[in-house]
Structures are given as C-alpha cells and as structure tokens.
C-alpha atoms as a PDB file:
ATOM      1  CA  MET A   1      -2.594 -17.380  -5.328  1.00  0.00           C
ATOM      2  CA  GLY A   2      -2.012 -14.660  -2.389  1.00  0.00           C
ATOM      3  CA  GLY A   3      -0.408 -14.678   1.023  1.00  0.00           C
ATOM      4  CA  VAL A   4       3.109 -14.893   2.240  1.00  0.00           C
ATOM      5  CA  LEU A   5       4.442 -18.297   2.145  1.00  0.00           C
ATOM      6  CA  ARG A   6       8.193 -17.700   3.645  1.00  0.00           C
ATOM      7  CA  LEU A   7      10.090 -15.169   5.295  1.00  0.00           C
ATOM      8  CA  TRP A   8      13.453 -13.974   6.156  1.00  0.00           C
ATOM      9  CA  ALA A   9      14.916 -11.434   8.274  1.00  0.00           C
ATOM     10  CA  VAL A  10      18.112  -9.799   7.240  1.00  0.00           C
ATOM     11  CA  PRO A  11      20.329  -7.182   9.472  1.00  0.00           C
ATOM     12  CA  PRO A  12      20.818  -3.906   7.295  1.00  0.00           C
ATOM     13  CA  SER A  13      24.808  -4.375   7.319  1.00  0.00           C
ATOM     14  CA  ASP A  14      24.226  -7.857   5.788  1.00  0.00           C
ATOM     15  CA  ILE A  15      22.654  -7.049   2.419  1.00  0.00           C
ATOM     16  CA  SER A  16      23.666  -4.714  -0.516  1.00  0.00           C
ATOM     17  CA  VAL A  17      20.583  -3.809  -3.115  1.00  0.00           C
ATOM     18  CA  SER A  18      21.101  -2.871  -6.783  1.00  0.00           C
ATOM     19  CA  GLY A  19      17.856  -2.828  -8.984  1.00  0.00           C
ATOM     20  CA  LYS A  20      16.289  -6.288  -8.754  1.00  0.00           C
ATOM     21  CA  GLN A  21      19.590  -7.980  -7.326  1.00  0.00           C
ATOM     22  CA  VAL A  22      19.999  -8.450  -3.633  1.00  0.00           C
ATOM     23  CA  THR A  23      23.326  -9.778  -2.486  1.00  0.00           C
ATOM     24  CA  ILE A  24      23.554 -11.216   1.175  1.00  0.00           C
ATOM     25  CA  PRO A  25      27.739 -11.759   1.313  1.00  0.00           C
ATOM     26  CA  SER A  26      27.225 -14.614   4.337  1.00  0.00           C
ATOM     27  CA  ASP A  27      23.703 -15.779   5.684  1.00  0.00           C
ATOM     28  CA  THR A  28      25.063 -16.101   9.208  1.00  0.00           C
ATOM     29  CA  ASN A  29      22.918 -13.221  10.499  1.00  0.00           C
ATOM     30  CA  VAL A  30      19.968 -13.956   8.237  1.00  0.00           C
ATOM     31  CA  VAL A  31      16.921 -15.660  10.081  1.00  0.00           C
ATOM     32  CA  ASP A  32      14.695 -18.014   7.958  1.00  0.00           C
ATOM     33  CA  ILE A  33      11.748 -17.413  10.080  1.00  0.00           C
ATOM     34  CA  TYR A  34       9.704 -20.795  10.575  1.00  0.00           C
ATOM     35  CA  THR A  35       5.451 -19.238  10.543  1.00  0.00           C
ATOM     36  CA  ARG A  36       2.362 -21.350  11.095  1.00  0.00           C
ATOM     37  CA  GLU A  37       1.161 -22.139   7.822  1.00  0.00           C
ATOM     38  CA  ASP A  38      -1.351 -19.368   6.496  1.00  0.00           C
ATOM     39  CA  SER A  39      -0.287 -17.070   9.443  1.00  0.00           C
ATOM     40  CA  ALA A  40       2.028 -14.668   7.673  1.00  0.00           C
ATOM     41  CA  SER A  41       0.708 -11.170   5.798  1.00  0.00           C
ATOM     42  CA  PHE A  42       1.985  -8.281   4.274  1.00  0.00           C
ATOM     43  CA  SER A  43       0.294  -4.696   4.196  1.00  0.00           C
ATOM     44  CA  GLU A  44       1.550  -1.473   2.541  1.00  0.00           C
ATOM     45  CA  ASP A  45      -0.738   1.950   3.038  1.00  0.00           C
ATOM     46  CA  LEU A  46       0.124   4.976   1.245  1.00  0.00           C
ATOM     47  CA  ALA A  47       0.492   7.672   4.581  1.00  0.00           C
ATOM     48  CA  LYS A  48       0.156  11.291   3.521  1.00  0.00           C
ATOM     49  CA  SER A  49       2.175  13.702   5.322  1.00  0.00           C
ATOM     50  CA  PHE A  50       3.473  17.493   5.202  1.00  0.00           C
ATOM     51  CA  ALA A  51       7.010  15.817   4.530  1.00  0.00           C
ATOM     52  CA  GLY A  52       5.789  13.618   1.389  1.00  0.00           C
ATOM     53  CA  ASN A  53       4.212  10.642   0.879  1.00  0.00           C
ATOM     54  CA  ALA A  54       5.528   7.636   2.636  1.00  0.00           C
ATOM     55  CA  TYR A  55       4.195   3.766   2.740  1.00  0.00           C
ATOM     56  CA  LYS A  56       3.458   2.291   6.363  1.00  0.00           C
ATOM     57  CA  VAL A  57       4.521  -1.279   5.592  1.00  0.00           C
ATOM     58  CA  GLU A  58       3.460  -4.053   8.393  1.00  0.00           C
ATOM     59  CA  ILE A  59       4.565  -7.753   7.938  1.00  0.00           C
ATOM     60  CA  SER A  60       3.257 -10.215  10.582  1.00  0.00           C
ATOM     61  CA  ALA A  61       3.028 -13.685  11.077  1.00  0.00           C
ATOM     62  CA  ILE A  62       2.368 -16.431  14.042  1.00  0.00           C
ATOM     63  CA  VAL A  63       5.507 -18.325  14.953  1.00  0.00           C
ATOM     64  CA  PRO A  64       4.316 -21.398  16.762  1.00  0.00           C
ATOM     65  CA  CYS A  65       5.520 -23.281  19.959  1.00  0.00           C
ATOM     66  CA  ASP A  66       6.975 -21.258  22.954  1.00  0.00           C
ATOM     67  CA  THR A  67       9.831 -23.102  23.187  1.00  0.00           C
ATOM     68  CA  SER A  68      13.608 -22.077  24.699  1.00  0.00           C
ATOM     69  CA  ASP A  69      15.171 -22.249  21.118  1.00  0.00           C
ATOM     70  CA  THR A  70      12.377 -19.979  19.997  1.00  0.00           C
ATOM     71  CA  LEU A  71      12.455 -17.616  22.826  1.00  0.00           C
ATOM     72  CA  LYS A  72      16.635 -17.355  22.328  1.00  0.00           C
ATOM     73  CA  GLN A  73      15.730 -16.492  18.892  1.00  0.00           C
ATOM     74  CA  ILE A  74      13.265 -13.911  19.647  1.00  0.00           C
ATOM     75  CA  ALA A  75      15.639 -12.314  21.879  1.00  0.00           C
ATOM     76  CA  ASP A  76      18.348 -12.087  19.535  1.00  0.00           C
ATOM     77  CA  MET A  77      16.093 -10.331  17.177  1.00  0.00           C
ATOM     78  CA  GLU A  78      14.641  -7.813  19.711  1.00  0.00           C
ATOM     79  CA  ARG A  79      18.024  -6.998  20.783  1.00  0.00           C
ATOM     80  CA  ARG A  80      19.037  -6.479  17.013  1.00  0.00           C
ATOM     81  CA  CYS A  81      15.571  -4.976  16.383  1.00  0.00           C
ATOM     82  CA  LYS A  82      15.951  -3.442  12.824  1.00  0.00           C
ATOM     83  CA  TYR A  83      16.048  -5.612   9.639  1.00  0.00           C
ATOM     84  CA  LEU A  84      14.861  -5.686   5.820  1.00  0.00           C
ATOM     85  CA  VAL A  85      12.500  -8.565   5.341  1.00  0.00           C
ATOM     86  CA  ILE A  86      12.675 -10.310   2.285  1.00  0.00           C
ATOM     87  CA  TYR A  87       9.325 -12.713   1.668  1.00  0.00           C
ATOM     88  CA  GLN A  88       7.672 -15.167  -0.902  1.00  0.00           C
ATOM     89  CA  ASP A  89       4.597 -14.919  -1.883  1.00  0.00           C
ATOM     90  CA  GLY A  90       2.010 -17.330  -3.066  1.00  0.00           C
ATOM     91  CA  ASN A  91       2.806 -16.661  -6.789  1.00  0.00           C
ATOM     92  CA  GLY A  92       6.668 -17.558  -6.065  1.00  0.00           C
ATOM     93  CA  SER A  93       7.799 -14.004  -6.413  1.00  0.00           C
ATOM     94  CA  TYR A  94      10.310 -12.582  -3.752  1.00  0.00           C
ATOM     95  CA  LYS A  95       9.820  -8.814  -2.363  1.00  0.00           C
ATOM     96  CA  LEU A  96      11.863  -6.760   0.012  1.00  0.00           C
ATOM     97  CA  ALA A  97      10.714  -4.604   2.469  1.00  0.00           C
ATOM     98  CA  GLY A  98      12.272  -2.160   4.219  1.00  0.00           C
ATOM     99  CA  THR A  99      15.814  -0.168   2.850  1.00  0.00           C
ATOM    100  CA  THR A 100      19.613  -0.198   4.441  1.00  0.00           C
ATOM    101  CA  LYS A 101      18.716   3.264   5.473  1.00  0.00           C
ATOM    102  CA  VAL A 102      15.418   3.141   6.981  1.00  0.00           C
ATOM    103  CA  PRO A 103      15.243  -0.773   7.914  1.00  0.00           C
ATOM    104  CA  LEU A 104      11.618  -2.049   9.412  1.00  0.00           C
ATOM    105  CA  ARG A 105      11.469  -2.469  13.296  1.00  0.00           C
ATOM    106  CA  PHE A 106      10.716  -5.980  15.015  1.00  0.00           C
ATOM    107  CA  SER A 107       8.609  -6.623  17.634  1.00  0.00           C
ATOM    108  CA  ALA A 108       7.303  -9.895  19.099  1.00  0.00           C
ATOM    109  CA  LYS A 109       4.465 -10.972  21.654  1.00  0.00           C
ATOM    110  CA  ALA A 110       4.189 -14.119  23.236  1.00  0.00           C
ATOM    111  CA  THR A 111       0.685 -15.468  23.758  1.00  0.00           C
ATOM    112  CA  THR A 112      -1.388 -18.463  24.682  1.00  0.00           C
ATOM    113  CA  GLY A 113      -5.002 -19.608  24.492  1.00  0.00           C
ATOM    114  CA  ALA A 114      -7.268 -19.462  27.360  1.00  0.00           C
ATOM    115  CA  GLY A 115      -8.259 -22.794  26.725  1.00  0.00           C
ATOM    116  CA  ALA A 116      -6.500 -26.413  26.753  1.00  0.00           C
ATOM    117  CA  ALA A 117      -6.972 -26.030  22.492  1.00  0.00           C
ATOM    118  CA  GLY A 118      -5.344 -22.702  22.964  1.00  0.00           C
ATOM    119  CA  LEU A 119      -1.707 -22.327  20.853  1.00  0.00           C
ATOM    120  CA  ASN A 120       1.433 -20.796  22.249  1.00  0.00           C
ATOM    121  CA  HIS A 121       2.959 -18.832  20.153  1.00  0.00           C
ATOM    122  CA  TYR A 122       4.762 -15.641  19.210  1.00  0.00           C
ATOM    123  CA  ALA A 123       3.073 -12.935  17.158  1.00  0.00           C
ATOM    124  CA  ILE A 124       5.873 -11.089  15.348  1.00  0.00           C
ATOM    125  CA  THR A 125       5.938  -8.077  13.583  1.00  0.00           C
ATOM    126  CA  PHE A 126       7.974  -6.102  11.109  1.00  0.00           C
ATOM    127  CA  ALA A 127       7.045  -2.493  10.740  1.00  0.00           C
ATOM    128  CA  GLY A 128       8.107   0.804   9.226  1.00  0.00           C
ATOM    129  CA  LEU A 129       7.504   3.863   6.687  1.00  0.00           C
ATOM    130  CA  GLN A 130       9.371   3.939   3.467  1.00  0.00           C
ATOM    131  CA  ARG A 131       9.350   6.015   0.476  1.00  0.00           C
ATOM    132  CA  THR A 132       8.890   3.597  -2.179  1.00  0.00           C
ATOM    133  CA  ARG A 133       6.601   0.596  -1.967  1.00  0.00           C
ATOM    134  CA  ALA A 134       8.164  -2.861  -1.322  1.00  0.00           C
ATOM    135  CA  ILE A 135      10.430  -4.045  -4.284  1.00  0.00           C
ATOM    136  CA  PHE A 136       9.943  -7.104  -6.387  1.00  0.00           C
ATOM    137  CA  ILE A 137      13.323  -8.718  -6.434  1.00  0.00           C
ATOM    138  CA  ASP A 138      15.319 -12.199  -7.921  1.00  0.00           C
ATOM    139  CA  ASN A 139      15.410 -14.983  -5.676  1.00  0.00           C
ATOM    140  CA  PRO A 140      18.667 -14.084  -3.331  1.00  0.00           C
ATOM    141  CA  PHE A 141      18.916 -17.581  -2.357  1.00  0.00           C
ATOM    142  CA  THR A 142      19.992 -19.490  -5.547  1.00  0.00           C
END
C-alpha cells in the first residue's frame, strides 16, 4: 500500500540522527501536520550534475481549511522555513527526508476553488536536494 499517511516537520536544531535512530529531545517545535486524506505525496528523483549526484526530494500535501489557526501555523513555518520531515507511509514505515546540514525548505500557497463547491486550503511543499535517498527510521514517537 502506498501513499503518505502522516507528516511531521522538525527543525534541524531539534533532532539528532544516528543510523535508523532518530532522537527528538523535545516535541515543542515539532509540527504534526494535519493533511487532507489522500493528499500527501513524496517524490525523490536523481539529479546529476558536475558536482556529483544528488536527490531532488519533494513532499507535498493539502492542509484543509484556511482558518486563523491554520494561518498562524503556516506563518510560523514560513518564518522558520527549514525542516527535516518525518513521514509515515501506507505500509506503516517511517522515513526521514532532509538532513541537519541540508534541511528541506517549506513553502505554502493558499488557494480556494472557483465555485461554491471549491475547498479553501493550503498547498504545502517541502523541497530540497540531498546526497542520499530519504532513510528508513524507527518510529521516533514511541
């Protein structure tokens, strides 16, 4: 089963990684991102350059409901901008994208549908280049 089920954004200063072990000393700055069901995706493409190979990583999702609370969270994330992203896929596996030295960059776009049935939401993206593919990790929240 594929797909991204859950997303967490962690500032680089609030995480340490050793192999498959991820330690988050305090969850104060961890953002547990609520997304619309079946809206989150992950892609990882090999990008070759004169400097060597890297992987272009992109995680995108839809955050429903443009409310004052959602706006505050989005504004806080835009201000911090750089994150490592932990996600849980449809198989129950956890993966970590980004590194403490080269975190992913966060962006958001507010949109609403053209008609009465259109939903207002934020289309969010975490993107960046990293030297290795996203790594499988143990559940960091247990």
